């Protein structure tokens, strides 16, 4: 089992440090309409929204805007990230909270979700600085991110009519997650034919699912062009 609160603390702390290291006006390759400052405002806003979902139990949170003075951005982000971390650390992880599911979710769900949110956007921050090779998540955590796409995001994208069901099934296998590890088996996204197999490190597969990289396999590329993730 992952200690999601500890992982979230580490992930948001790394983001806060990177804000002081990168050019806040640089373009973000995965989101070319954004500069780094826009990305930070997005992530800080998502943290606020997630905290509202835990504290108030609704998705109606209205995040505070980021400061226009970019010199204040790191402190603004760190403050809101810290509020989220503290809230989750002091809330029973089984306590009810609004989440993406149809039923009543839990506060602990958000610790996992926000860890993956901060981790993927850490990749974006590093990529904007030409340092994406520094993004080396723990394979077990990255593989959980792949599983999150399967159990949460793909289903949500179809439910919200953001994409049609895949005309095939992606079968993903991580080469760097031990077979005996919890949840190490293949991840299947979609339920159609044909079955298209992709093997790679958990990091590589997660980046593919979040449209941060591309595959040379034409069948897999055809499935991955769908909006599996937002």
Protein backbone atom coordinates (compact mmCIF):
# COMPACT_ATOMS: atom_id res chain seq x y z
CA UNK A 1 0.00 0.00 0.00
CA UNK A 2 1.19 3.49 -0.81
CA UNK A 3 1.35 6.21 1.83
CA UNK A 4 -0.48 8.74 -0.30
CA UNK A 5 -0.26 11.57 2.21
CA UNK A 6 3.52 11.24 2.33
CA UNK A 7 3.71 10.99 -1.45
CA UNK A 8 1.50 14.06 -1.85
CA UNK A 9 3.67 16.03 0.56
CA UNK A 10 6.77 15.12 -1.44
CA UNK A 11 5.14 15.78 -4.83
CA UNK A 12 3.78 19.22 -3.93
CA UNK A 13 7.04 20.14 -2.24
CA UNK A 14 8.93 19.37 -5.42
CA UNK A 15 6.54 21.50 -7.46
CA UNK A 16 7.03 24.41 -5.05
CA UNK A 17 10.82 24.16 -5.41
CA UNK A 18 10.65 23.95 -9.20
CA UNK A 19 8.59 27.13 -9.43
CA UNK A 20 11.64 29.00 -8.17
CA UNK A 21 13.92 27.23 -10.65
CA UNK A 22 12.15 27.46 -14.00
CA UNK A 23 11.26 30.32 -16.30
CA UNK A 24 7.63 31.11 -15.46
CA UNK A 25 7.07 32.55 -18.93
CA UNK A 26 8.32 29.45 -20.76
CA UNK A 27 5.84 27.50 -22.89
CA UNK A 28 4.60 24.13 -21.61
CA UNK A 29 5.08 21.58 -24.43
CA UNK A 30 2.09 19.40 -23.47
CA UNK A 31 -0.17 22.47 -23.12
CA UNK A 32 1.20 24.95 -25.69
CA UNK A 33 -1.47 27.55 -24.90
CA UNK A 34 -0.03 27.78 -21.39
CA UNK A 35 3.15 29.20 -19.98
CA UNK A 36 4.58 27.79 -16.75
CA UNK A 37 2.79 30.42 -14.66
CA UNK A 38 -0.53 29.30 -16.16
CA UNK A 39 0.28 25.69 -15.31
CA UNK A 40 1.09 26.62 -11.72
CA UNK A 41 -2.16 28.55 -11.40
CA UNK A 42 -4.04 25.52 -12.77
CA UNK A 43 -2.39 23.13 -10.32
CA UNK A 44 -2.87 25.44 -7.34
CA UNK A 45 -6.51 25.83 -8.34
CA UNK A 46 -7.00 22.08 -8.59
CA UNK A 47 -5.54 21.65 -5.10
CA UNK A 48 -8.02 24.22 -3.77
CA UNK A 49 -10.90 22.52 -5.58
CA UNK A 50 -9.89 19.12 -4.19
CA UNK A 51 -9.70 20.51 -0.65
CA UNK A 52 -13.20 21.98 -1.04
CA UNK A 53 -14.46 18.56 -2.18
CA UNK A 54 -13.11 17.05 1.05
CA UNK A 55 -14.16 19.82 3.45
CA UNK A 56 -17.51 20.76 1.93
CA UNK A 57 -18.39 17.57 0.09
CA UNK A 58 -19.26 19.28 -3.20
CA UNK A 59 -17.52 20.04 -6.52
CA UNK A 60 -18.55 23.70 -6.32
CA UNK A 61 -15.27 25.12 -5.03
CA UNK A 62 -14.17 28.45 -6.48
CA UNK A 63 -10.37 28.67 -6.30
CA UNK A 64 -8.57 31.88 -5.49
CA UNK A 65 -6.84 33.39 -8.51
CA UNK A 66 -3.07 33.31 -8.63
CA UNK A 67 -1.25 36.60 -8.03
CA UNK A 68 -0.38 38.67 -11.09
CA UNK A 69 3.05 39.37 -9.59
CA UNK A 70 4.98 36.27 -10.61
CA UNK A 71 7.42 36.73 -7.74
CA UNK A 72 4.55 35.79 -5.41
CA UNK A 73 3.53 32.66 -7.33
CA UNK A 74 5.70 30.14 -5.48
CA UNK A 75 4.39 31.24 -2.08
CA UNK A 76 0.80 31.23 -3.38
CA UNK A 77 1.18 27.68 -4.65
CA UNK A 78 2.97 26.44 -1.53
CA UNK A 79 0.25 27.89 0.68
CA UNK A 80 -2.62 26.20 -1.12
CA UNK A 81 -0.73 22.93 -1.54
CA UNK A 82 0.07 23.02 2.17
CA UNK A 83 -3.60 23.59 3.03
CA UNK A 84 -4.55 20.51 0.99
CA UNK A 85 -1.81 18.37 2.53
CA UNK A 86 -2.79 19.42 6.06
CA UNK A 87 -6.48 18.81 5.43
CA UNK A 88 -5.88 15.32 4.09
CA UNK A 89 -3.38 14.47 6.83
CA UNK A 90 -5.89 15.43 9.53
CA UNK A 91 -8.96 13.87 7.92
CA UNK A 92 -9.89 10.21 8.27
CA UNK A 93 -9.13 8.76 4.82
CA UNK A 94 -12.42 6.87 4.96
CA UNK A 95 -14.42 10.05 5.65
CA UNK A 96 -17.00 10.81 2.92
CA UNK A 97 -16.03 13.32 0.24
CA UNK A 98 -17.23 14.27 -3.21
CA UNK A 99 -15.18 12.44 -5.85
CA UNK A 100 -15.53 11.51 -9.51
CA UNK A 101 -17.53 8.35 -8.82
CA UNK A 102 -21.29 7.96 -8.80
CA UNK A 103 -21.45 6.97 -5.15
CA UNK A 104 -20.03 8.63 -2.06
CA UNK A 105 -16.25 8.81 -2.28
CA UNK A 106 -13.66 9.24 0.42
CA UNK A 107 -11.09 11.80 1.47
CA UNK A 108 -8.32 9.27 0.89
CA UNK A 109 -9.28 9.08 -2.79
CA UNK A 110 -8.13 12.68 -3.15
CA UNK A 111 -4.70 12.01 -1.69
CA UNK A 112 -4.06 9.52 -4.47
CA UNK A 113 -5.59 11.73 -7.18
CA UNK A 114 -3.70 14.85 -6.17
CA UNK A 115 -0.41 12.96 -5.92
CA UNK A 116 -0.78 11.87 -9.53
CA UNK A 117 -1.92 15.37 -10.54
CA UNK A 118 1.15 16.97 -8.99
CA UNK A 119 3.45 14.29 -10.38
CA UNK A 120 2.29 14.65 -13.98
CA UNK A 121 2.52 18.42 -13.83
CA UNK A 122 6.01 18.07 -12.37
CA UNK A 123 6.86 16.41 -15.66
CA UNK A 124 5.34 19.39 -17.46
CA UNK A 125 7.38 21.87 -15.42
CA UNK A 126 10.57 19.96 -16.09
CA UNK A 127 9.69 19.59 -19.76
CA UNK A 128 9.22 23.35 -20.08
CA UNK A 129 12.77 23.74 -18.80
CA UNK A 130 14.20 21.02 -21.06
CA UNK A 131 14.76 18.82 -18.00
CA UNK A 132 12.12 16.12 -18.56
CA UNK A 133 14.72 13.35 -18.18
CA UNK A 134 14.80 14.28 -14.48
CA UNK A 135 11.24 13.02 -14.07
CA UNK A 136 11.81 9.51 -12.78
CA UNK A 137 8.83 8.48 -10.64
CA UNK A 138 8.92 5.35 -8.58
CA UNK A 139 7.75 2.59 -10.98
CA UNK A 140 5.13 1.32 -8.54
CA UNK A 141 3.62 4.81 -8.19
CA UNK A 142 3.74 5.43 -11.94
CA UNK A 143 2.05 2.08 -12.52
CA UNK A 144 -0.69 3.08 -10.10
CA UNK A 145 -1.10 6.16 -12.29
CA UNK A 146 -1.65 3.86 -15.26
CA UNK A 147 -4.23 1.94 -13.25
CA UNK A 148 -5.92 5.23 -12.33
CA UNK A 149 -6.45 5.93 -16.02
CA UNK A 150 -8.10 2.52 -16.30
CA UNK A 151 -10.31 2.72 -13.22
CA UNK A 152 -11.14 6.43 -13.22
CA UNK A 153 -10.26 8.62 -16.18
CA UNK A 154 -11.12 6.53 -19.21
CA UNK A 155 -14.52 5.65 -17.73
CA UNK A 156 -15.13 9.30 -16.83
CA UNK A 157 -14.16 10.51 -20.29
CA UNK A 158 -16.64 8.12 -21.90
CA UNK A 159 -19.37 8.92 -19.36
CA UNK A 160 -18.98 12.66 -20.00
CA UNK A 161 -19.04 12.12 -23.79
CA UNK A 162 -15.52 13.49 -24.16
CA UNK A 163 -14.62 10.44 -26.20
CA UNK A 164 -16.31 7.44 -27.75
CA UNK A 165 -15.50 4.00 -26.33
CA UNK A 166 -12.23 2.77 -27.77
CA UNK A 167 -12.55 0.72 -30.97
CA UNK A 168 -10.20 -1.82 -29.45
CA UNK A 169 -8.49 -2.64 -26.17
CA UNK A 170 -5.13 -1.35 -24.98
CA UNK A 171 -3.30 -4.02 -23.00
CA UNK A 172 -0.45 -2.41 -21.06
CA UNK A 173 2.36 -4.31 -19.35
CA UNK A 174 5.07 -2.68 -17.24
CA UNK A 175 8.57 -4.03 -17.62
CA UNK A 176 9.87 -2.53 -14.37
CA UNK A 177 7.17 -3.57 -11.88
CA UNK A 178 7.84 -6.94 -10.21
CA UNK A 179 5.25 -9.59 -11.04
CA UNK A 180 4.60 -10.20 -7.35
CA UNK A 181 3.85 -6.52 -6.62
CA UNK A 182 0.22 -5.62 -5.85
CA UNK A 183 -1.64 -4.70 -9.02
CA UNK A 184 1.29 -5.68 -11.25
CA UNK A 185 -0.78 -7.55 -13.82
CA UNK A 186 -1.65 -6.15 -17.24
CA UNK A 187 -3.93 -3.11 -17.40
CA UNK A 188 -6.69 -3.21 -19.99
CA UNK A 189 -8.33 -0.03 -21.22
CA UNK A 190 -11.36 -0.50 -23.43
CA UNK A 191 -13.25 -3.67 -24.21
CA UNK A 192 -13.31 -3.85 -27.99
CA UNK A 193 -11.33 -5.64 -30.67
CA UNK A 194 -8.52 -5.83 -31.58
CA UNK A 195 -6.39 -6.15 -28.45
CA UNK A 196 -3.29 -4.01 -28.89
CA UNK A 197 -0.37 -4.80 -26.57
CA UNK A 198 2.14 -2.25 -25.35
CA UNK A 199 5.11 -3.08 -23.11
CA UNK A 200 7.37 -0.49 -21.51
CA UNK A 201 8.37 1.02 -18.24
CA UNK A 202 5.58 2.36 -16.06
CA UNK A 203 6.91 5.84 -16.72
CA UNK A 204 6.77 5.37 -20.50
CA UNK A 205 3.25 3.96 -20.44
CA UNK A 206 1.94 6.69 -18.15
CA UNK A 207 3.34 9.41 -20.41
CA UNK A 208 1.66 7.77 -23.41
CA UNK A 209 -1.73 7.67 -21.71
CA UNK A 210 -1.47 11.34 -20.73
CA UNK A 211 -0.43 12.35 -24.26
CA UNK A 212 3.03 13.47 -23.16
CA UNK A 213 4.78 11.15 -25.59
CA UNK A 214 4.04 9.10 -28.70
CA UNK A 215 4.43 5.48 -29.72
CA UNK A 216 5.75 4.17 -33.01
CA UNK A 217 3.21 1.31 -32.93
CA UNK A 218 0.52 2.41 -35.43
CA UNK A 219 -2.28 0.33 -33.87
CA UNK A 220 -1.52 1.64 -30.40
CA UNK A 221 -1.17 5.20 -31.70
CA UNK A 222 -4.63 4.96 -33.27
CA UNK A 223 -6.16 4.07 -29.91
CA UNK A 224 -4.10 6.56 -27.94
CA UNK A 225 -5.24 9.45 -30.12
CA UNK A 226 -8.60 9.21 -28.37
CA UNK A 227 -9.22 11.39 -25.32
CA UNK A 228 -8.54 8.61 -22.81
CA UNK A 229 -7.46 11.31 -20.38
CA UNK A 230 -8.52 14.98 -20.20
